N, C-alpha and C. Protein backbone atom coordinates (compact mmCIF):
# COMPACT_ATOMS: atom_id res chain seq x y z
N MET A 1 -23.85 1.79 9.11
CA MET A 1 -22.87 1.17 8.63
C MET A 1 -21.90 1.78 9.32
N SER A 2 -20.64 1.07 9.83
CA SER A 2 -19.54 1.71 10.51
C SER A 2 -18.47 1.86 9.29
N PRO A 3 -17.31 2.65 9.81
CA PRO A 3 -16.02 2.60 8.57
C PRO A 3 -15.51 1.50 8.43
N PRO A 4 -15.39 1.33 7.49
CA PRO A 4 -14.15 0.43 7.03
C PRO A 4 -13.06 -0.49 8.00
N LEU A 5 -12.39 -1.35 8.04
CA LEU A 5 -11.47 -1.76 8.57
C LEU A 5 -10.32 -1.36 7.51
N VAL A 6 -9.24 -0.37 8.48
CA VAL A 6 -8.31 -0.20 7.33
C VAL A 6 -7.04 -1.21 7.68
N LEU A 7 -6.44 -1.75 7.12
CA LEU A 7 -5.08 -2.33 7.40
C LEU A 7 -3.90 -1.50 7.16
N ILE A 8 -3.03 -1.04 7.98
CA ILE A 8 -2.14 -0.25 7.24
C ILE A 8 -0.91 -1.84 7.06
N LEU A 9 -0.31 -1.40 5.81
CA LEU A 9 1.05 -2.02 5.24
C LEU A 9 2.10 -0.99 5.20
N PRO A 10 3.22 -1.33 6.18
CA PRO A 10 4.30 -0.37 5.82
C PRO A 10 5.03 -1.31 5.03
N GLY A 11 6.15 -0.45 4.32
CA GLY A 11 7.11 -1.43 3.60
C GLY A 11 8.20 -1.75 4.32
N LEU A 12 9.69 -1.98 3.46
CA LEU A 12 10.55 -2.14 4.18
C LEU A 12 11.17 -1.17 5.51
N GLY A 13 11.28 -2.04 6.26
CA GLY A 13 11.88 -1.38 7.74
C GLY A 13 10.62 -0.99 8.28
N GLY A 14 9.50 -0.93 8.07
CA GLY A 14 8.06 -0.51 8.72
C GLY A 14 7.99 1.00 8.64
N SER A 15 7.23 1.73 9.17
CA SER A 15 6.90 2.93 9.15
C SER A 15 7.20 3.31 10.53
N GLY A 16 7.95 4.57 10.99
CA GLY A 16 8.49 5.26 11.90
C GLY A 16 7.26 5.93 12.71
N PRO A 17 7.40 6.64 13.99
CA PRO A 17 6.77 7.34 14.26
C PRO A 17 6.09 9.03 13.85
N GLU A 18 6.88 9.09 12.77
CA GLU A 18 6.99 10.43 12.12
C GLU A 18 6.19 10.13 10.83
N HIS A 19 5.54 8.71 10.19
CA HIS A 19 5.34 8.21 9.01
C HIS A 19 3.83 8.71 9.10
N TRP A 20 3.44 8.72 7.98
CA TRP A 20 1.91 9.29 7.79
C TRP A 20 1.11 7.92 7.77
N GLN A 21 1.76 6.90 7.79
CA GLN A 21 0.70 5.47 8.12
C GLN A 21 0.75 5.34 9.43
N THR A 22 1.82 5.88 10.49
CA THR A 22 1.97 5.49 11.83
C THR A 22 0.77 6.92 12.33
N ARG A 23 0.61 7.90 11.93
CA ARG A 23 -0.03 8.88 12.50
C ARG A 23 -1.70 8.30 12.03
N TRP A 24 -2.17 8.16 10.95
CA TRP A 24 -3.42 7.42 10.58
C TRP A 24 -3.74 6.26 11.22
N GLU A 25 -2.83 5.72 11.79
CA GLU A 25 -3.04 4.67 12.99
C GLU A 25 -3.51 5.45 14.30
N ASP A 26 -2.82 6.34 14.28
CA ASP A 26 -2.69 6.64 15.79
C ASP A 26 -4.20 7.73 15.82
N LEU A 27 -4.48 8.20 14.78
CA LEU A 27 -5.77 9.02 14.46
C LEU A 27 -6.92 8.38 14.55
N HIS A 28 -7.02 6.95 14.12
CA HIS A 28 -8.45 6.51 13.56
C HIS A 28 -8.21 5.21 14.12
N GLN A 29 -9.49 5.07 14.84
CA GLN A 29 -9.67 3.48 15.44
C GLN A 29 -9.68 2.11 14.98
N ARG A 30 -9.84 2.65 13.65
CA ARG A 30 -10.26 0.90 12.64
C ARG A 30 -9.22 0.91 11.59
N HIS A 31 -8.14 1.86 11.78
CA HIS A 31 -7.20 1.71 11.16
C HIS A 31 -6.09 1.05 11.69
N VAL A 32 -5.60 -0.09 11.48
CA VAL A 32 -4.56 -1.11 12.22
C VAL A 32 -3.56 -1.56 11.56
N ARG A 33 -2.52 -1.24 12.00
CA ARG A 33 -0.95 -1.69 11.40
C ARG A 33 -0.90 -3.85 11.56
N LEU A 34 -0.62 -3.84 10.37
CA LEU A 34 -0.44 -5.39 10.27
C LEU A 34 1.04 -5.28 10.57
N GLY A 35 1.27 -6.34 11.58
CA GLY A 35 2.60 -6.92 11.97
C GLY A 35 3.27 -7.43 11.00
N GLN A 36 5.15 -7.66 10.83
CA GLN A 36 5.37 -8.48 10.28
C GLN A 36 6.39 -8.89 11.00
N ARG A 37 6.95 -10.19 10.97
CA ARG A 37 7.89 -10.94 11.95
C ARG A 37 9.05 -10.18 11.76
N ASP A 38 9.56 -9.91 10.57
CA ASP A 38 11.11 -9.07 10.41
C ASP A 38 10.73 -8.15 8.94
N TRP A 39 10.53 -6.68 9.21
CA TRP A 39 10.81 -5.69 8.69
C TRP A 39 11.91 -5.31 7.77
N ASP A 40 12.90 -5.78 8.19
CA ASP A 40 14.28 -5.64 7.75
C ASP A 40 14.71 -6.47 6.53
N HIS A 41 14.14 -7.87 6.82
CA HIS A 41 14.85 -8.88 6.16
C HIS A 41 13.23 -9.41 5.45
N PRO A 42 12.94 -9.03 4.42
CA PRO A 42 11.11 -9.55 4.09
C PRO A 42 11.10 -10.59 3.50
N ASP A 43 10.44 -11.42 3.68
CA ASP A 43 10.11 -12.71 3.00
C ASP A 43 8.99 -12.67 2.53
N ARG A 44 8.45 -13.01 1.22
CA ARG A 44 7.33 -12.84 0.16
C ARG A 44 6.33 -13.58 1.17
N GLU A 45 6.52 -14.92 0.91
CA GLU A 45 5.76 -16.14 1.52
C GLU A 45 4.99 -15.64 3.24
N ASP A 46 6.14 -15.27 3.83
CA ASP A 46 5.95 -15.21 5.29
C ASP A 46 5.11 -13.85 5.12
N TRP A 47 5.36 -13.05 4.63
CA TRP A 47 4.28 -11.49 4.71
C TRP A 47 3.48 -11.89 3.91
N LEU A 48 3.09 -12.52 2.80
CA LEU A 48 1.65 -12.90 2.58
C LEU A 48 0.75 -13.82 3.43
N SER A 49 1.88 -14.92 4.11
CA SER A 49 0.62 -15.74 5.01
C SER A 49 0.37 -14.74 6.17
N THR A 50 0.91 -13.68 6.61
CA THR A 50 1.03 -12.98 7.65
C THR A 50 -0.29 -11.85 7.51
N LEU A 51 -0.45 -11.59 5.95
CA LEU A 51 -1.63 -10.36 5.47
C LEU A 51 -3.12 -11.55 5.61
N GLY A 52 -2.90 -12.30 4.86
CA GLY A 52 -3.89 -13.63 4.58
C GLY A 52 -4.25 -13.81 5.92
N ALA A 53 -3.69 -14.13 7.33
CA ALA A 53 -4.08 -14.20 8.29
C ALA A 53 -5.04 -13.22 8.99
N ALA A 54 -4.36 -11.97 8.71
CA ALA A 54 -4.96 -11.25 9.36
C ALA A 54 -6.54 -10.64 8.68
N ILE A 55 -6.42 -10.59 7.60
CA ILE A 55 -7.80 -10.57 6.61
C ILE A 55 -8.58 -11.64 6.79
N GLU A 56 -8.43 -12.99 7.28
CA GLU A 56 -9.38 -13.86 7.39
C GLU A 56 -9.66 -13.70 8.92
N ALA A 57 -9.04 -13.01 9.48
CA ALA A 57 -9.14 -12.79 11.23
C ALA A 57 -10.22 -11.66 11.35
N ALA A 58 -10.01 -10.60 10.28
CA ALA A 58 -10.79 -9.83 10.24
C ALA A 58 -12.55 -10.03 10.43
N GLY A 59 -12.81 -10.88 10.06
CA GLY A 59 -14.28 -11.27 9.61
C GLY A 59 -15.16 -10.01 8.95
N GLU A 60 -14.71 -9.39 8.06
CA GLU A 60 -15.10 -8.71 7.37
C GLU A 60 -14.05 -8.03 6.39
N PRO A 61 -14.93 -7.39 5.18
CA PRO A 61 -14.17 -6.75 4.36
C PRO A 61 -12.92 -5.89 4.54
N VAL A 62 -11.68 -5.74 4.14
CA VAL A 62 -10.73 -4.77 4.59
C VAL A 62 -10.37 -3.91 3.12
N VAL A 63 -9.83 -2.57 3.93
CA VAL A 63 -9.21 -1.83 2.93
C VAL A 63 -7.72 -1.82 3.32
N LEU A 64 -6.75 -1.76 2.36
CA LEU A 64 -5.51 -1.92 2.62
C LEU A 64 -4.80 -0.75 2.06
N VAL A 65 -4.17 -0.17 2.89
CA VAL A 65 -3.60 1.30 2.46
C VAL A 65 -1.83 0.92 2.91
N ALA A 66 -1.18 0.52 1.34
CA ALA A 66 0.19 0.23 1.39
C ALA A 66 1.07 1.21 1.05
N HIS A 67 2.20 1.28 1.38
CA HIS A 67 3.53 1.94 1.44
C HIS A 67 4.77 1.34 0.62
N SER A 68 5.09 1.69 -0.05
CA SER A 68 6.48 1.02 -0.78
C SER A 68 6.46 -0.41 -1.23
N LEU A 69 7.06 -1.14 -0.62
CA LEU A 69 7.02 -2.76 -0.77
C LEU A 69 5.93 -3.07 -0.22
N GLY A 70 5.08 -2.63 0.49
CA GLY A 70 3.69 -3.02 1.13
C GLY A 70 2.90 -3.39 -0.04
N CYS A 71 2.96 -2.31 -1.45
CA CYS A 71 2.49 -2.25 -2.77
C CYS A 71 2.64 -3.62 -3.29
N ALA A 72 4.19 -3.70 -3.34
CA ALA A 72 4.34 -5.39 -4.08
C ALA A 72 3.47 -6.09 -3.35
N LEU A 73 3.14 -6.38 -2.01
CA LEU A 73 2.79 -7.09 -1.21
C LEU A 73 1.18 -7.41 -1.58
N VAL A 74 0.61 -6.51 -1.63
CA VAL A 74 -0.80 -6.24 -2.55
C VAL A 74 -0.72 -6.89 -3.64
N ALA A 75 0.08 -6.44 -4.59
CA ALA A 75 -0.41 -6.83 -5.95
C ALA A 75 0.16 -8.27 -6.07
N HIS A 76 0.77 -9.22 -5.14
CA HIS A 76 0.97 -10.57 -4.99
C HIS A 76 -0.28 -10.98 -4.31
N ALA A 77 -0.61 -9.95 -3.34
CA ALA A 77 -1.97 -11.23 -2.48
C ALA A 77 -3.25 -11.14 -3.16
N ALA A 78 -3.33 -10.35 -4.59
CA ALA A 78 -4.29 -10.37 -5.55
C ALA A 78 -4.59 -11.32 -5.78
N ARG A 79 -3.41 -12.58 -5.93
CA ARG A 79 -3.47 -13.91 -6.69
C ARG A 79 -3.93 -14.92 -5.63
N CYS A 80 -4.10 -14.61 -4.26
CA CYS A 80 -4.76 -15.28 -3.12
C CYS A 80 -5.71 -15.28 -3.19
N PRO A 81 -6.42 -16.54 -2.87
CA PRO A 81 -7.65 -16.35 -2.52
C PRO A 81 -8.45 -15.57 -1.11
N PHE A 82 -7.75 -15.16 -0.51
CA PHE A 82 -8.18 -13.95 0.42
C PHE A 82 -8.54 -12.68 -0.20
N ALA A 83 -8.31 -12.52 -1.03
CA ALA A 83 -8.17 -11.40 -2.02
C ALA A 83 -9.58 -11.09 -2.08
N ALA A 84 -10.42 -12.16 -2.06
CA ALA A 84 -12.07 -11.62 -2.27
C ALA A 84 -12.36 -11.06 -1.31
N ARG A 85 -11.54 -10.52 -0.09
CA ARG A 85 -12.11 -10.13 1.22
C ARG A 85 -11.15 -8.73 1.56
N ILE A 86 -10.97 -8.20 0.07
CA ILE A 86 -9.74 -7.27 0.13
C ILE A 86 -11.25 -6.00 -0.82
N ALA A 87 -11.56 -4.95 -0.05
CA ALA A 87 -12.83 -4.05 -0.45
C ALA A 87 -11.95 -3.21 -1.28
N ALA A 88 -10.89 -2.60 -1.27
CA ALA A 88 -10.39 -1.43 -1.99
C ALA A 88 -8.69 -1.87 -1.30
N ALA A 89 -7.72 -0.84 -2.20
CA ALA A 89 -6.36 -0.79 -1.69
C ALA A 89 -6.04 0.67 -2.27
N LEU A 90 -5.31 1.42 -1.50
CA LEU A 90 -4.65 2.75 -1.68
C LEU A 90 -2.86 2.34 -1.56
N LEU A 91 -2.46 2.40 -2.55
CA LEU A 91 -1.32 1.69 -3.19
C LEU A 91 -0.02 3.16 -2.90
N VAL A 92 0.52 3.49 -2.18
CA VAL A 92 1.33 4.98 -2.20
C VAL A 92 2.94 4.83 -2.50
N ALA A 93 3.66 5.13 -3.14
CA ALA A 93 4.92 5.25 -3.81
C ALA A 93 5.59 3.74 -3.80
N PRO A 94 4.55 2.94 -4.69
CA PRO A 94 4.92 1.63 -4.71
C PRO A 94 6.67 1.26 -5.13
N ALA A 95 7.33 0.42 -4.31
CA ALA A 95 8.76 0.22 -4.81
C ALA A 95 8.59 -0.71 -6.03
N ASP A 96 9.76 -0.29 -6.97
CA ASP A 96 10.33 -0.87 -8.23
C ASP A 96 11.41 -1.99 -7.93
N VAL A 97 10.31 -3.19 -7.04
CA VAL A 97 11.22 -4.39 -6.90
C VAL A 97 11.98 -5.06 -7.90
N ASP A 98 11.79 -4.80 -9.22
CA ASP A 98 12.06 -5.39 -10.16
C ASP A 98 13.56 -4.57 -10.37
N SER A 99 13.93 -3.46 -10.18
CA SER A 99 14.82 -2.53 -10.22
C SER A 99 16.08 -2.54 -9.25
N PRO A 100 16.94 -3.16 -9.78
CA PRO A 100 18.23 -2.94 -8.71
C PRO A 100 18.56 -1.31 -8.69
N ALA A 101 18.48 -0.88 -9.50
CA ALA A 101 19.04 0.62 -9.68
C ALA A 101 17.93 1.75 -8.74
N HIS A 102 17.27 0.83 -8.11
CA HIS A 102 16.11 2.06 -7.20
C HIS A 102 15.52 1.09 -5.97
N THR A 103 15.85 0.28 -5.92
CA THR A 103 15.73 -0.42 -4.26
C THR A 103 16.72 -1.69 -3.88
N PRO A 104 16.91 -1.66 -2.74
CA PRO A 104 17.71 -2.58 -2.34
C PRO A 104 17.58 -4.05 -2.48
N ALA A 105 18.65 -4.76 -2.50
CA ALA A 105 18.21 -6.40 -2.21
C ALA A 105 17.55 -6.82 -1.81
N GLU A 106 17.07 -6.54 -0.31
CA GLU A 106 16.02 -6.93 0.39
C GLU A 106 15.11 -6.86 0.01
N THR A 107 14.55 -6.55 -1.47
CA THR A 107 13.65 -6.23 -1.80
C THR A 107 12.78 -7.69 -2.89
N ARG A 108 14.09 -7.63 -3.28
CA ARG A 108 13.99 -8.20 -4.66
C ARG A 108 13.53 -9.60 -4.49
N GLY A 109 12.98 -10.13 -3.45
CA GLY A 109 12.29 -11.75 -3.16
C GLY A 109 10.75 -11.13 -3.64
N PHE A 110 10.47 -10.08 -3.65
CA PHE A 110 9.22 -9.34 -4.33
C PHE A 110 8.91 -9.20 -5.74
N ALA A 111 10.06 -9.60 -6.60
CA ALA A 111 10.14 -9.39 -7.39
C ALA A 111 10.03 -10.96 -8.51
N PRO A 112 9.04 -11.27 -9.24
CA PRO A 112 8.96 -9.89 -10.32
C PRO A 112 7.76 -9.48 -9.95
N MET A 113 7.52 -7.96 -10.22
CA MET A 113 5.89 -7.45 -9.59
C MET A 113 5.11 -7.83 -10.61
N PRO A 114 3.64 -8.22 -9.72
CA PRO A 114 2.71 -8.74 -10.79
C PRO A 114 2.06 -7.73 -11.58
N MET A 115 1.89 -7.83 -12.93
CA MET A 115 1.14 -6.82 -13.69
C MET A 115 -0.25 -7.48 -14.27
N THR A 116 -0.99 -7.67 -13.10
CA THR A 116 -2.05 -8.43 -13.97
C THR A 116 -3.19 -7.28 -13.08
N PRO A 117 -4.48 -7.20 -13.72
CA PRO A 117 -5.36 -6.48 -12.96
C PRO A 117 -5.93 -6.99 -11.86
N LEU A 118 -5.74 -5.85 -10.48
CA LEU A 118 -6.34 -6.13 -9.68
C LEU A 118 -7.74 -6.78 -9.27
N PRO A 119 -8.51 -7.45 -8.38
CA PRO A 119 -9.49 -7.66 -8.55
C PRO A 119 -10.52 -6.81 -7.40
N PHE A 120 -9.99 -5.83 -6.91
CA PHE A 120 -10.56 -4.89 -6.37
C PHE A 120 -10.29 -3.18 -6.58
N PRO A 121 -10.83 -2.43 -6.07
CA PRO A 121 -10.92 -1.02 -6.67
C PRO A 121 -9.55 -0.34 -5.95
N ALA A 122 -8.43 0.46 -6.61
CA ALA A 122 -7.62 0.72 -5.54
C ALA A 122 -6.83 1.85 -6.84
N THR A 123 -6.15 2.50 -5.88
CA THR A 123 -5.49 4.16 -6.27
C THR A 123 -3.95 3.58 -6.02
N VAL A 124 -3.16 4.33 -7.22
CA VAL A 124 -1.66 4.49 -7.07
C VAL A 124 -1.44 5.74 -6.65
N VAL A 125 -0.69 6.10 -5.79
CA VAL A 125 -0.27 7.70 -5.68
C VAL A 125 1.39 7.38 -5.72
N ALA A 126 2.11 8.21 -6.92
CA ALA A 126 3.61 7.90 -6.64
C ALA A 126 3.93 9.68 -6.71
N SER A 127 5.11 10.21 -6.69
CA SER A 127 5.82 11.07 -6.48
C SER A 127 6.90 11.23 -7.51
N GLU A 128 6.63 12.63 -8.30
CA GLU A 128 7.66 12.70 -9.63
C GLU A 128 9.12 11.99 -9.25
N ASP A 129 9.59 12.23 -7.97
CA ASP A 129 11.38 12.15 -7.90
C ASP A 129 11.52 10.94 -6.57
N ASP A 130 10.53 10.22 -6.59
CA ASP A 130 10.73 9.22 -6.09
C ASP A 130 11.76 8.48 -6.26
N PRO A 131 12.95 8.24 -5.02
CA PRO A 131 13.91 7.48 -5.65
C PRO A 131 13.97 6.18 -5.67
N TYR A 132 12.89 5.41 -4.79
CA TYR A 132 12.53 3.74 -5.28
C TYR A 132 12.03 2.95 -6.19
N VAL A 133 11.20 4.42 -7.21
CA VAL A 133 10.40 4.08 -8.74
C VAL A 133 10.01 5.22 -9.18
N THR A 134 10.27 5.20 -10.81
CA THR A 134 10.35 6.38 -11.55
C THR A 134 8.63 6.71 -11.69
N LEU A 135 8.66 7.81 -12.08
CA LEU A 135 7.00 8.06 -12.25
C LEU A 135 6.41 7.50 -13.22
N GLY A 136 7.34 7.16 -14.35
CA GLY A 136 7.05 6.29 -15.35
C GLY A 136 6.43 4.84 -14.99
N ARG A 137 7.07 4.28 -14.64
CA ARG A 137 6.79 3.03 -14.15
C ARG A 137 5.83 3.05 -12.47
N ALA A 138 5.69 3.81 -11.90
CA ALA A 138 4.69 4.01 -11.24
C ALA A 138 3.42 3.81 -11.74
N ARG A 139 3.23 4.56 -13.13
CA ARG A 139 2.10 4.63 -13.89
C ARG A 139 1.88 3.38 -14.78
N ALA A 140 3.20 2.76 -14.92
CA ALA A 140 2.63 1.17 -15.55
C ALA A 140 1.85 0.58 -14.58
N PHE A 141 2.53 0.48 -13.21
CA PHE A 141 2.02 -0.48 -12.30
C PHE A 141 0.46 -0.10 -12.91
N ALA A 142 0.29 1.49 -12.10
CA ALA A 142 -1.38 1.41 -12.25
C ALA A 142 -1.97 1.28 -13.63
N ALA A 143 -1.87 1.06 -14.67
CA ALA A 143 -2.36 1.04 -15.90
C ALA A 143 -2.60 -0.54 -15.90
N ALA A 144 -1.29 -1.87 -15.37
CA ALA A 144 -1.46 -2.85 -15.74
C ALA A 144 -2.53 -3.10 -14.59
N TRP A 145 -2.37 -2.80 -13.27
CA TRP A 145 -2.97 -3.19 -12.59
C TRP A 145 -4.55 -2.76 -12.71
N GLY A 146 -4.89 -1.84 -13.52
CA GLY A 146 -6.07 -1.48 -13.79
C GLY A 146 -6.82 -0.44 -12.49
N THR A 147 -6.08 0.61 -12.05
CA THR A 147 -6.05 1.33 -11.01
C THR A 147 -5.98 2.55 -11.34
N ALA A 148 -6.75 3.61 -10.54
CA ALA A 148 -6.46 5.24 -10.68
C ALA A 148 -5.00 5.22 -10.41
N PHE A 149 -4.93 6.62 -10.74
CA PHE A 149 -3.53 7.14 -10.57
C PHE A 149 -3.21 8.44 -10.04
N VAL A 150 -2.49 8.67 -9.26
CA VAL A 150 -2.66 10.20 -8.53
C VAL A 150 -1.10 10.50 -8.90
N ASP A 151 -0.67 11.40 -9.57
CA ASP A 151 0.78 12.69 -9.34
C ASP A 151 0.85 13.11 -8.16
N ALA A 152 1.37 12.85 -6.92
CA ALA A 152 1.31 13.66 -6.01
C ALA A 152 2.80 14.92 -6.31
N GLY A 153 3.12 14.87 -7.22
CA GLY A 153 4.22 16.12 -7.60
C GLY A 153 5.50 15.51 -6.89
N PRO A 154 6.38 16.42 -6.88
CA PRO A 154 7.90 16.22 -6.25
C PRO A 154 8.07 15.83 -4.83
N ARG A 155 7.55 14.70 -4.18
CA ARG A 155 7.71 14.79 -2.85
C ARG A 155 8.62 13.67 -2.14
N GLY A 156 9.30 13.49 -3.10
CA GLY A 156 10.34 12.56 -2.70
C GLY A 156 9.34 10.80 -2.20
N HIS A 157 10.10 10.04 -1.49
CA HIS A 157 9.23 8.56 -1.45
C HIS A 157 7.79 8.72 -0.66
N LEU A 158 7.46 9.70 -0.35
CA LEU A 158 5.70 10.05 0.25
C LEU A 158 5.92 9.18 1.73
N ASN A 159 7.14 9.87 2.29
CA ASN A 159 7.66 8.79 3.88
C ASN A 159 7.48 10.34 4.80
N ALA A 160 8.03 9.63 5.65
CA ALA A 160 8.02 10.78 7.04
C ALA A 160 9.85 11.73 6.41
N ALA A 161 10.36 11.40 5.58
CA ALA A 161 11.00 12.32 5.19
C ALA A 161 10.73 13.26 4.67
N SER A 162 9.84 12.99 3.57
CA SER A 162 8.84 13.96 2.67
C SER A 162 8.22 15.43 3.65
N GLY A 163 8.23 14.93 5.00
CA GLY A 163 7.08 15.96 5.80
C GLY A 163 5.89 16.40 5.68
N LEU A 164 5.36 14.63 5.48
CA LEU A 164 3.87 15.14 4.92
C LEU A 164 2.83 14.99 6.19
N GLY A 165 3.22 15.16 7.18
CA GLY A 165 2.76 15.24 8.36
C GLY A 165 1.59 14.12 8.42
N ASP A 166 0.39 14.07 9.02
CA ASP A 166 -0.71 13.15 8.69
C ASP A 166 -1.37 13.34 7.65
N TRP A 167 -0.65 14.14 6.39
CA TRP A 167 -1.08 13.54 5.01
C TRP A 167 -2.13 13.72 4.47
N PRO A 168 -2.92 14.98 4.60
CA PRO A 168 -4.33 15.58 4.43
C PRO A 168 -4.71 15.08 2.77
N ASP A 169 -3.76 15.47 1.87
CA ASP A 169 -4.14 15.10 0.40
C ASP A 169 -4.42 13.07 0.51
N GLY A 170 -3.43 12.20 1.12
CA GLY A 170 -3.56 10.94 1.33
C GLY A 170 -4.86 10.70 1.94
N ARG A 171 -5.58 11.71 2.70
CA ARG A 171 -6.67 11.36 3.46
C ARG A 171 -7.71 11.19 2.42
N ARG A 172 -7.43 12.52 1.47
CA ARG A 172 -9.01 12.72 0.60
C ARG A 172 -8.49 11.41 -0.44
N HIS A 173 -7.34 11.23 -0.95
CA HIS A 173 -7.20 10.07 -1.97
C HIS A 173 -7.89 8.94 -1.65
N LEU A 174 -7.87 8.87 -0.04
CA LEU A 174 -8.11 7.23 0.72
C LEU A 174 -9.77 7.39 0.55
N ALA A 175 -10.18 8.73 0.91
CA ALA A 175 -11.99 9.28 0.79
C ALA A 175 -12.32 8.61 -0.68
N ALA A 176 -12.04 9.34 -1.73
CA ALA A 176 -12.17 9.37 -2.88
C ALA A 176 -12.22 7.95 -3.62
N LEU A 177 -11.25 7.09 -2.81
CA LEU A 177 -11.09 5.54 -3.22
C LEU A 177 -12.13 4.84 -2.62
N LEU A 178 -12.66 5.19 -1.36
CA LEU A 178 -13.72 4.54 -0.74
C LEU A 178 -15.02 4.87 -1.22
N ALA A 179 -15.18 6.21 -1.69
CA ALA A 179 -16.71 6.69 -2.40
C ALA A 179 -16.63 5.88 -3.84
N ARG A 180 -15.70 5.60 -4.55
CA ARG A 180 -15.54 4.75 -5.66
C ARG A 180 -16.18 3.31 -5.27
N ALA A 181 -15.65 2.94 -4.08
CA ALA A 181 -15.88 1.49 -3.88
C ALA A 181 -17.25 1.64 -2.92
N SER A 182 -17.92 2.51 -3.21
CA SER A 182 -19.34 2.33 -2.06
C SER A 182 -19.09 2.23 -0.80
N LEU A 183 -17.66 2.43 -0.06
CA LEU A 183 -17.97 2.14 1.23
C LEU A 183 -17.71 3.29 1.90
N LEU A 184 -18.35 3.44 3.37
CA LEU A 184 -18.45 4.70 4.57
C LEU A 184 -17.29 5.24 4.29
N VAL A 185 -16.94 6.32 4.06
CA VAL A 185 -15.96 7.58 4.17
C VAL A 185 -16.16 8.26 5.50
N ARG A 186 -15.14 8.19 6.59
CA ARG A 186 -14.99 8.81 7.74
C ARG A 186 -13.72 9.95 7.91
């Protein structure tokens, strides 16, 4: 059994070269970034269409590793027919798209955040001092989605500015998720 195909789903603006998502993509052959037409002006239907096409083209179940607005994308994708091909999802630093106080106007097209159980195993990882979501709101997402929850401590938005490097803790969270989902861990 080969390792699962992991689709990397960045948020608003994409993930730059120092972001752990980019590092994971560089380190692991079966970690592939999902490209979007416009990272700075996200359109929910466009992003969902791109994700659905990538999942269908994969020809195998996929694992999603989402950051920030990418987490909202996964929550919306869970209601699409292609969700049946999602094996698991690691949802890191979910952006509170419902809160103008926490997220920019460009994310509002992803509101309201779906608050229904995800049809696949998932883990939400959130920071105590993320400027884009309160820890309580991140916990509420995890509870509504029926996912595991990890408090990452005070680490900001869990992005390049957090100084995570290739984020070994995140790799452990992914490995634990894959083990729960009975997928090969590498």
